[in-house]
């Protein structure tokens, strides 16, 4: 359940980054590209919380990191590619 909540939070954060970029006069692709690095930081912190506080091993948490980071980052990559081509 926690993985699903984190993925949904990632999509919500992606939407916030895209909205902020548009409100600041930038393109949708810019907001999606900027989202990836902060989301990587949040995903790694989530993994470390699972290792140090919930006492899971790295071998358990690494696949979780891949899903929690990869799904929203993949969506951001797709949005950035799609809207970059539309603007060019």
PDB file of N, CA and C in Angstrom:
ATOM      1  N   UNK A   1       0.826  -1.193   0.000  1.00  0.00           N
ATOM      2  CA  UNK A   1       0.000   0.000   0.000  1.00  0.00           C
ATOM      3  C   UNK A   1       0.870   1.257   0.000  1.00  0.00           C
ATOM      4  N   UNK A   2       1.984   1.202   0.737  1.00  0.00           N
ATOM      5  CA  UNK A   2       2.878   2.355   0.790  1.00  0.00           C
ATOM      6  C   UNK A   2       3.465   2.663  -0.590  1.00  0.00           C
ATOM      7  N   UNK A   3       3.780   1.630  -1.348  1.00  0.00           N
ATOM      8  CA  UNK A   3       4.327   1.840  -2.687  1.00  0.00           C
ATOM      9  C   UNK A   3       3.312   2.571  -3.556  1.00  0.00           C
ATOM     10  N   UNK A   4       2.072   2.157  -3.507  1.00  0.00           N
ATOM     11  CA  UNK A   4       1.019   2.800  -4.282  1.00  0.00           C
ATOM     12  C   UNK A   4       0.854   4.265  -3.872  1.00  0.00           C
ATOM     13  N   UNK A   5       0.894   4.531  -2.579  1.00  0.00           N
ATOM     14  CA  UNK A   5       0.773   5.908  -2.109  1.00  0.00           C
ATOM     15  C   UNK A   5       1.927   6.761  -2.599  1.00  0.00           C
ATOM     16  N   UNK A   6       3.128   6.212  -2.614  1.00  0.00           N
ATOM     17  CA  UNK A   6       4.290   6.970  -3.078  1.00  0.00           C
ATOM     18  C   UNK A   6       4.208   7.234  -4.582  1.00  0.00           C
ATOM     19  N   UNK A   7       3.761   6.256  -5.346  1.00  0.00           N
ATOM     20  CA  UNK A   7       3.626   6.452  -6.794  1.00  0.00           C
ATOM     21  C   UNK A   7       2.571   7.522  -7.084  1.00  0.00           C
ATOM     22  N   UNK A   8       1.457   7.469  -6.387  1.00  0.00           N
ATOM     23  CA  UNK A   8       0.410   8.485  -6.564  1.00  0.00           C
ATOM     24  C   UNK A   8       0.944   9.853  -6.154  1.00  0.00           C
ATOM     25  N   UNK A   9       1.704   9.917  -5.068  1.00  0.00           N
ATOM     26  CA  UNK A   9       2.320  11.177  -4.651  1.00  0.00           C
ATOM     27  C   UNK A   9       3.283  11.678  -5.720  1.00  0.00           C
ATOM     28  N   UNK A  10       3.977  10.767  -6.379  1.00  0.00           N
ATOM     29  CA  UNK A  10       4.872  11.155  -7.465  1.00  0.00           C
ATOM     30  C   UNK A  10       4.129  11.784  -8.625  1.00  0.00           C
ATOM     31  N   UNK A  11       2.994  11.198  -8.989  1.00  0.00           N
ATOM     32  CA  UNK A  11       2.191  11.780 -10.062  1.00  0.00           C
ATOM     33  C   UNK A  11       1.631  13.143  -9.654  1.00  0.00           C
ATOM     34  N   UNK A  12       1.240  13.272  -8.391  1.00  0.00           N
ATOM     35  CA  UNK A  12       0.744  14.565  -7.907  1.00  0.00           C
ATOM     36  C   UNK A  12       1.867  15.609  -7.938  1.00  0.00           C
ATOM     37  N   UNK A  13       3.058  15.211  -7.516  1.00  0.00           N
ATOM     38  CA  UNK A  13       4.193  16.132  -7.555  1.00  0.00           C
ATOM     39  C   UNK A  13       4.541  16.516  -8.986  1.00  0.00           C
ATOM     40  N   UNK A  14       4.463  15.569  -9.896  1.00  0.00           N
ATOM     41  CA  UNK A  14       4.706  15.874 -11.309  1.00  0.00           C
ATOM     42  C   UNK A  14       3.712  16.915 -11.801  1.00  0.00           C
ATOM     43  N   UNK A  15       2.459  16.751 -11.434  1.00  0.00           N
ATOM     44  CA  UNK A  15       1.447  17.735 -11.816  1.00  0.00           C
ATOM     45  C   UNK A  15       1.732  19.108 -11.244  1.00  0.00           C
ATOM     46  N   UNK A  16       2.204  19.150 -10.009  1.00  0.00           N
ATOM     47  CA  UNK A  16       2.532  20.431  -9.380  1.00  0.00           C
ATOM     48  C   UNK A  16       3.716  21.090 -10.089  1.00  0.00           C
ATOM     49  N   UNK A  17       4.731  20.299 -10.432  1.00  0.00           N
ATOM     50  CA  UNK A  17       5.894  20.842 -11.139  1.00  0.00           C
ATOM     51  C   UNK A  17       5.492  21.376 -12.511  1.00  0.00           C
ATOM     52  N   UNK A  18       4.657  20.651 -13.216  1.00  0.00           N
ATOM     53  CA  UNK A  18       4.218  21.097 -14.543  1.00  0.00           C
ATOM     54  C   UNK A  18       3.369  22.363 -14.413  1.00  0.00           C
ATOM     55  N   UNK A  19       2.459  22.385 -13.458  1.00  0.00           N
ATOM     56  CA  UNK A  19       1.631  23.567 -13.245  1.00  0.00           C
ATOM     57  C   UNK A  19       2.486  24.773 -12.879  1.00  0.00           C
ATOM     58  N   UNK A  20       3.467  24.580 -12.005  1.00  0.00           N
ATOM     59  CA  UNK A  20       4.354  25.679 -11.618  1.00  0.00           C
ATOM     60  C   UNK A  20       5.144  26.195 -12.814  1.00  0.00           C
ATOM     61  N   UNK A  21       5.601  25.294 -13.659  1.00  0.00           N
ATOM     62  CA  UNK A  21       6.351  25.711 -14.841  1.00  0.00           C
ATOM     63  C   UNK A  21       5.484  26.544 -15.774  1.00  0.00           C
ATOM     64  N   UNK A  22       4.261  26.113 -15.968  1.00  0.00           N
ATOM     65  CA  UNK A  22       3.347  26.854 -16.855  1.00  0.00           C
ATOM     66  C   UNK A  22       3.026  28.227 -16.252  1.00  0.00           C
ATOM     67  N   UNK A  23       2.782  28.267 -14.945  1.00  0.00           N
ATOM     68  CA  UNK A  23       2.481  29.544 -14.298  1.00  0.00           C
ATOM     69  C   UNK A  23       3.667  30.506 -14.323  1.00  0.00           C
ATOM     70  N   UNK A  24       4.878  29.964 -14.364  1.00  0.00           N
ATOM     71  CA  UNK A  24       6.077  30.790 -14.426  1.00  0.00           C
ATOM     72  C   UNK A  24       6.483  31.134 -15.861  1.00  0.00           C
ATOM     73  N   UNK A  25       5.655  30.751 -16.806  1.00  0.00           N
ATOM     74  CA  UNK A  25       5.903  31.101 -18.193  1.00  0.00           C
ATOM     75  C   UNK A  25       6.841  30.154 -18.918  1.00  0.00           C
ATOM     76  N   UNK A  26       7.095  29.007 -18.352  1.00  0.00           N
ATOM     77  CA  UNK A  26       7.944  28.007 -19.000  1.00  0.00           C
ATOM     78  C   UNK A  26       7.053  26.974 -19.680  1.00  0.00           C
ATOM     79  N   UNK A  27       7.669  26.007 -20.317  1.00  0.00           N
ATOM     80  CA  UNK A  27       6.899  24.981 -20.987  1.00  0.00           C
ATOM     81  C   UNK A  27       6.597  23.797 -20.075  1.00  0.00           C
ATOM     82  N   UNK A  28       5.664  22.990 -20.507  1.00  0.00           N
ATOM     83  CA  UNK A  28       5.307  21.775 -19.770  1.00  0.00           C
ATOM     84  C   UNK A  28       6.511  20.851 -19.671  1.00  0.00           C
ATOM     85  N   UNK A  29       7.279  20.758 -20.743  1.00  0.00           N
ATOM     86  CA  UNK A  29       8.453  19.887 -20.754  1.00  0.00           C
ATOM     87  C   UNK A  29       9.476  20.328 -19.717  1.00  0.00           C
ATOM     88  N   UNK A  30       9.609  21.631 -19.499  1.00  0.00           N
ATOM     89  CA  UNK A  30      10.557  22.127 -18.498  1.00  0.00           C
ATOM     90  C   UNK A  30      10.162  21.671 -17.097  1.00  0.00           C
ATOM     91  N   UNK A  31       8.895  21.752 -16.778  1.00  0.00           N
ATOM     92  CA  UNK A  31       8.426  21.306 -15.467  1.00  0.00           C
ATOM     93  C   UNK A  31       8.643  19.824 -15.263  1.00  0.00           C
ATOM     94  N   UNK A  32       8.414  19.037 -16.310  1.00  0.00           N
ATOM     95  CA  UNK A  32       8.604  17.586 -16.210  1.00  0.00           C
ATOM     96  C   UNK A  32      10.077  17.242 -16.039  1.00  0.00           C
ATOM     97  N   UNK A  33      10.956  17.960 -16.745  1.00  0.00           N
ATOM     98  CA  UNK A  33      12.393  17.689 -16.617  1.00  0.00           C
ATOM     99  C   UNK A  33      12.915  18.058 -15.235  1.00  0.00           C
ATOM    100  N   UNK A  34      12.477  19.173 -14.696  1.00  0.00           N
ATOM    101  CA  UNK A  34      12.932  19.615 -13.376  1.00  0.00           C
ATOM    102  C   UNK A  34      12.451  18.664 -12.285  1.00  0.00           C
ATOM    103  N   UNK A  35      11.320  18.042 -12.477  1.00  0.00           N
ATOM    104  CA  UNK A  35      10.732  17.135 -11.487  1.00  0.00           C
ATOM    105  C   UNK A  35      11.628  15.936 -11.174  1.00  0.00           C
ATOM    106  N   UNK A  36      12.378  15.454 -12.128  1.00  0.00           N
ATOM    107  CA  UNK A  36      13.054  14.167 -11.984  1.00  0.00           C
ATOM    108  C   UNK A  36      14.077  14.166 -10.852  1.00  0.00           C
ATOM    109  N   UNK A  37      14.916  15.176 -10.728  1.00  0.00           N
ATOM    110  CA  UNK A  37      15.942  15.170  -9.673  1.00  0.00           C
ATOM    111  C   UNK A  37      15.364  15.274  -8.264  1.00  0.00           C
ATOM    112  N   UNK A  38      14.422  16.184  -7.988  1.00  0.00           N
ATOM    113  CA  UNK A  38      13.832  16.179  -6.644  1.00  0.00           C
ATOM    114  C   UNK A  38      13.097  14.867  -6.329  1.00  0.00           C
ATOM    115  N   UNK A  39      12.472  14.269  -7.345  1.00  0.00           N
ATOM    116  CA  UNK A  39      11.770  13.012  -7.089  1.00  0.00           C
ATOM    117  C   UNK A  39      12.764  11.889  -6.796  1.00  0.00           C
ATOM    118  N   UNK A  40      13.916  11.915  -7.423  1.00  0.00           N
ATOM    119  CA  UNK A  40      14.955  10.936  -7.086  1.00  0.00           C
ATOM    120  C   UNK A  40      15.375  11.097  -5.634  1.00  0.00           C
ATOM    121  N   UNK A  41      15.550  12.324  -5.181  1.00  0.00           N
ATOM    122  CA  UNK A  41      15.927  12.566  -3.784  1.00  0.00           C
ATOM    123  C   UNK A  41      14.852  12.055  -2.826  1.00  0.00           C
ATOM    124  N   UNK A  42      13.593  12.337  -3.129  1.00  0.00           N
ATOM    125  CA  UNK A  42      12.492  11.861  -2.269  1.00  0.00           C
ATOM    126  C   UNK A  42      12.453  10.333  -2.261  1.00  0.00           C
ATOM    127  N   UNK A  43      12.663   9.715  -3.401  1.00  0.00           N
ATOM    128  CA  UNK A  43      12.621   8.256  -3.495  1.00  0.00           C
ATOM    129  C   UNK A  43      13.759   7.611  -2.704  1.00  0.00           C
ATOM    130  N   UNK A  44      14.938   8.199  -2.762  1.00  0.00           N
ATOM    131  CA  UNK A  44      16.078   7.654  -2.008  1.00  0.00           C
ATOM    132  C   UNK A  44      15.848   7.838  -0.517  1.00  0.00           C
ATOM    133  N   UNK A  45      15.311   8.976  -0.111  1.00  0.00           N
ATOM    134  CA  UNK A  45      14.999   9.190   1.308  1.00  0.00           C
ATOM    135  C   UNK A  45      13.955   8.184   1.770  1.00  0.00           C
ATOM    136  N   UNK A  46      12.974   7.901   0.936  1.00  0.00           N
ATOM    137  CA  UNK A  46      11.970   6.892   1.265  1.00  0.00           C
ATOM    138  C   UNK A  46      12.620   5.523   1.446  1.00  0.00           C
ATOM    139  N   UNK A  47      13.565   5.184   0.575  1.00  0.00           N
ATOM    140  CA  UNK A  47      14.258   3.904   0.692  1.00  0.00           C
ATOM    141  C   UNK A  47      15.071   3.851   1.988  1.00  0.00           C
ATOM    142  N   UNK A  48      15.785   4.926   2.285  1.00  0.00           N
ATOM    143  CA  UNK A  48      16.593   4.944   3.504  1.00  0.00           C
ATOM    144  C   UNK A  48      15.728   4.873   4.757  1.00  0.00           C
ATOM    145  N   UNK A  49      14.546   5.462   4.710  1.00  0.00           N
ATOM    146  CA  UNK A  49      13.620   5.344   5.841  1.00  0.00           C
ATOM    147  C   UNK A  49      13.193   3.900   6.033  1.00  0.00           C
ATOM    148  N   UNK A  50      12.977   3.199   4.940  1.00  0.00           N
ATOM    149  CA  UNK A  50      12.626   1.783   5.035  1.00  0.00           C
ATOM    150  C   UNK A  50      13.764   0.945   5.582  1.00  0.00           C
ATOM    151  N   UNK A  51      14.985   1.309   5.248  1.00  0.00           N
ATOM    152  CA  UNK A  51      16.143   0.540   5.713  1.00  0.00           C
ATOM    153  C   UNK A  51      16.436   0.836   7.173  1.00  0.00           C
ATOM    154  N   UNK A  52      16.469   2.112   7.552  1.00  0.00           N
ATOM    155  CA  UNK A  52      16.927   2.470   8.892  1.00  0.00           C
ATOM    156  C   UNK A  52      15.831   2.486   9.940  1.00  0.00           C
ATOM    157  N   UNK A  53      14.619   2.881   9.575  1.00  0.00           N
ATOM    158  CA  UNK A  53      13.571   2.939  10.585  1.00  0.00           C
ATOM    159  C   UNK A  53      12.669   1.715  10.561  1.00  0.00           C
ATOM    160  N   UNK A  54      12.322   1.233   9.392  1.00  0.00           N
ATOM    161  CA  UNK A  54      11.449   0.060   9.313  1.00  0.00           C
ATOM    162  C   UNK A  54      12.243  -1.241   9.334  1.00  0.00           C
ATOM    163  N   UNK A  55      13.573  -1.147   9.284  1.00  0.00           N
ATOM    164  CA  UNK A  55      14.491  -2.288   9.406  1.00  0.00           C
ATOM    165  C   UNK A  55      14.360  -3.298   8.267  1.00  0.00           C
ATOM    166  N   UNK A  56      14.047  -2.819   7.048  1.00  0.00           N
ATOM    167  CA  UNK A  56      14.102  -3.687   5.884  1.00  0.00           C
ATOM    168  C   UNK A  56      15.534  -3.709   5.362  1.00  0.00           C
ATOM    169  N   UNK A  57      15.865  -4.723   4.609  1.00  0.00           N
ATOM    170  CA  UNK A  57      17.198  -4.791   4.028  1.00  0.00           C
ATOM    171  C   UNK A  57      17.221  -4.036   2.697  1.00  0.00           C
ATOM    172  N   UNK A  58      18.434  -3.737   2.234  1.00  0.00           N
ATOM    173  CA  UNK A  58      18.568  -3.067   0.951  1.00  0.00           C
ATOM    174  C   UNK A  58      18.014  -3.935  -0.180  1.00  0.00           C
ATOM    175  N   UNK A  59      18.163  -5.241  -0.057  1.00  0.00           N
ATOM    176  CA  UNK A  59      17.664  -6.123  -1.121  1.00  0.00           C
ATOM    177  C   UNK A  59      16.139  -6.085  -1.211  1.00  0.00           C
ATOM    178  N   UNK A  60      15.480  -5.733  -0.145  1.00  0.00           N
ATOM    179  CA  UNK A  60      14.023  -5.576  -0.168  1.00  0.00           C
ATOM    180  C   UNK A  60      13.655  -4.182  -0.678  1.00  0.00           C
ATOM    181  N   UNK A  61      14.418  -3.183  -0.276  1.00  0.00           N
ATOM    182  CA  UNK A  61      14.077  -1.801  -0.593  1.00  0.00           C
ATOM    183  C   UNK A  61      14.488  -1.359  -2.004  1.00  0.00           C
ATOM    184  N   UNK A  62      15.497  -1.964  -2.595  1.00  0.00           N
ATOM    185  CA  UNK A  62      15.921  -1.543  -3.938  1.00  0.00           C
ATOM    186  C   UNK A  62      14.842  -1.732  -5.003  1.00  0.00           C
ATOM    187  N   UNK A  63      14.129  -2.875  -5.031  1.00  0.00           N
ATOM    188  CA  UNK A  63      13.026  -2.965  -6.008  1.00  0.00           C
ATOM    189  C   UNK A  63      11.912  -1.950  -5.741  1.00  0.00           C
ATOM    190  N   UNK A  64      11.697  -1.619  -4.484  1.00  0.00           N
ATOM    191  CA  UNK A  64      10.706  -0.594  -4.141  1.00  0.00           C
ATOM    192  C   UNK A  64      11.163   0.757  -4.687  1.00  0.00           C
ATOM    193  N   UNK A  65      12.462   1.054  -4.537  1.00  0.00           N
ATOM    194  CA  UNK A  65      13.012   2.293  -5.079  1.00  0.00           C
ATOM    195  C   UNK A  65      12.819   2.369  -6.583  1.00  0.00           C
ATOM    196  N   UNK A  66      13.050   1.262  -7.257  1.00  0.00           N
ATOM    197  CA  UNK A  66      12.902   1.244  -8.717  1.00  0.00           C
ATOM    198  C   UNK A  66      11.470   1.581  -9.121  1.00  0.00           C
ATOM    199  N   UNK A  67      10.507   1.029  -8.426  1.00  0.00           N
ATOM    200  CA  UNK A  67       9.097   1.288  -8.761  1.00  0.00           C
ATOM    201  C   UNK A  67       8.697   2.705  -8.357  1.00  0.00           C
ATOM    202  N   UNK A  68       9.034   3.094  -7.125  1.00  0.00           N
ATOM    203  CA  UNK A  68       8.619   4.400  -6.604  1.00  0.00           C
ATOM    204  C   UNK A  68       9.240   5.530  -7.427  1.00  0.00           C
ATOM    205  N   UNK A  69      10.493   5.387  -7.818  1.00  0.00           N
ATOM    206  CA  UNK A  69      11.110   6.412  -8.647  1.00  0.00           C
ATOM    207  C   UNK A  69      10.769   6.231 -10.118  1.00  0.00           C
ATOM    208  N   UNK A  70      10.817   5.000 -10.582  1.00  0.00           N
ATOM    209  CA  UNK A  70      10.742   4.738 -12.009  1.00  0.00           C
ATOM    210  C   UNK A  70       9.417   5.059 -12.661  1.00  0.00           C
ATOM    211  N   UNK A  71       8.322   4.768 -12.017  1.00  0.00           N
ATOM    212  CA  UNK A  71       7.012   4.984 -12.649  1.00  0.00           C
ATOM    213  C   UNK A  71       6.737   6.483 -12.843  1.00  0.00           C
ATOM    214  N   UNK A  72       6.831   7.323 -11.781  1.00  0.00           N
ATOM    215  CA  UNK A  72       6.618   8.754 -12.032  1.00  0.00           C
ATOM    216  C   UNK A  72       7.705   9.391 -12.908  1.00  0.00           C
ATOM    217  N   UNK A  73       8.953   8.953 -12.766  1.00  0.00           N
ATOM    218  CA  UNK A  73      10.021   9.517 -13.594  1.00  0.00           C
ATOM    219  C   UNK A  73       9.837   9.117 -15.053  1.00  0.00           C
ATOM    220  N   UNK A  74       9.390   7.907 -15.290  1.00  0.00           N
ATOM    221  CA  UNK A  74       9.093   7.487 -16.660  1.00  0.00           C
ATOM    222  C   UNK A  74       7.964   8.310 -17.259  1.00  0.00           C
ATOM    223  N   UNK A  75       6.963   8.596 -16.461  1.00  0.00           N
ATOM    224  CA  UNK A  75       5.864   9.447 -16.939  1.00  0.00           C
ATOM    225  C   UNK A  75       6.371  10.860 -17.223  1.00  0.00           C
ATOM    226  N   UNK A  76       7.248  11.369 -16.357  1.00  0.00           N
ATOM    227  CA  UNK A  76       7.818  12.703 -16.573  1.00  0.00           C
ATOM    228  C   UNK A  76       8.659  12.728 -17.843  1.00  0.00           C
ATOM    229  N   UNK A  77       9.435  11.688 -18.058  1.00  0.00           N
ATOM    230  CA  UNK A  77      10.252  11.593 -19.269  1.00  0.00           C
ATOM    231  C   UNK A  77       9.348  11.605 -20.509  1.00  0.00           C
ATOM    232  N   UNK A  78       8.264  10.837 -20.439  1.00  0.00           N
ATOM    233  CA  UNK A  78       7.324  10.782 -21.568  1.00  0.00           C
ATOM    234  C   UNK A  78       6.692  12.156 -21.821  1.00  0.00           C
ATOM    235  N   UNK A  79       6.279  12.820 -20.756  1.00  0.00           N
ATOM    236  CA  UNK A  79       5.664  14.147 -20.900  1.00  0.00           C
ATOM    237  C   UNK A  79       6.678  15.128 -21.480  1.00  0.00           C
ATOM    238  N   UNK A  80       7.905  15.083 -20.988  1.00  0.00           N
ATOM    239  CA  UNK A  80       8.937  15.999 -21.483  1.00  0.00           C
ATOM    240  C   UNK A  80       9.214  15.759 -22.965  1.00  0.00           C
ATOM    241  N   UNK A  81       9.297  14.509 -23.355  1.00  0.00           N
ATOM    242  CA  UNK A  81       9.557  14.194 -24.766  1.00  0.00           C
ATOM    243  C   UNK A  81       8.380  14.608 -25.646  1.00  0.00           C
ATOM    244  N   UNK A  82       7.173  14.327 -25.188  1.00  0.00           N
ATOM    245  CA  UNK A  82       5.987  14.614 -25.997  1.00  0.00           C
ATOM    246  C   UNK A  82       5.802  16.128 -26.199  1.00  0.00           C
ATOM    247  N   UNK A  83       5.941  16.886 -25.122  1.00  0.00           N
ATOM    248  CA  UNK A  83       5.704  18.316 -25.246  1.00  0.00           C
ATOM    249  C   UNK A  83       6.908  19.085 -25.772  1.00  0.00           C
ATOM    250  N   UNK A  84       8.078  18.499 -25.719  1.00  0.00           N
ATOM    251  CA  UNK A  84       9.242  19.120 -26.345  1.00  0.00           C
ATOM    252  C   UNK A  84       9.079  19.099 -27.844  1.00  0.00           C
ATOM    253  N   UNK A  85       8.600  17.991 -28.358  1.00  0.00           N
ATOM    254  CA  UNK A  85       8.398  17.873 -29.811  1.00  0.00           C
ATOM    255  C   UNK A  85       7.265  18.777 -30.276  1.00  0.00           C
ATOM    256  N   UNK A  86       6.242  18.939 -29.449  1.00  0.00           N
ATOM    257  CA  UNK A  86       5.121  19.774 -29.841  1.00  0.00           C
ATOM    258  C   UNK A  86       5.534  21.248 -29.883  1.00  0.00           C
ATOM    259  N   UNK A  87       6.459  21.634 -29.024  1.00  0.00           N
ATOM    260  CA  UNK A  87       6.897  23.037 -28.972  1.00  0.00           C
ATOM    261  C   UNK A  87       7.927  23.340 -30.048  1.00  0.00           C
ATOM    262  N   UNK A  88       8.635  22.326 -30.536  1.00  0.00           N
ATOM    263  CA  UNK A  88       9.707  22.561 -31.498  1.00  0.00           C
ATOM    264  C   UNK A  88       9.211  22.766 -32.900  1.00  0.00           C
TER     265      UNK A  88
END
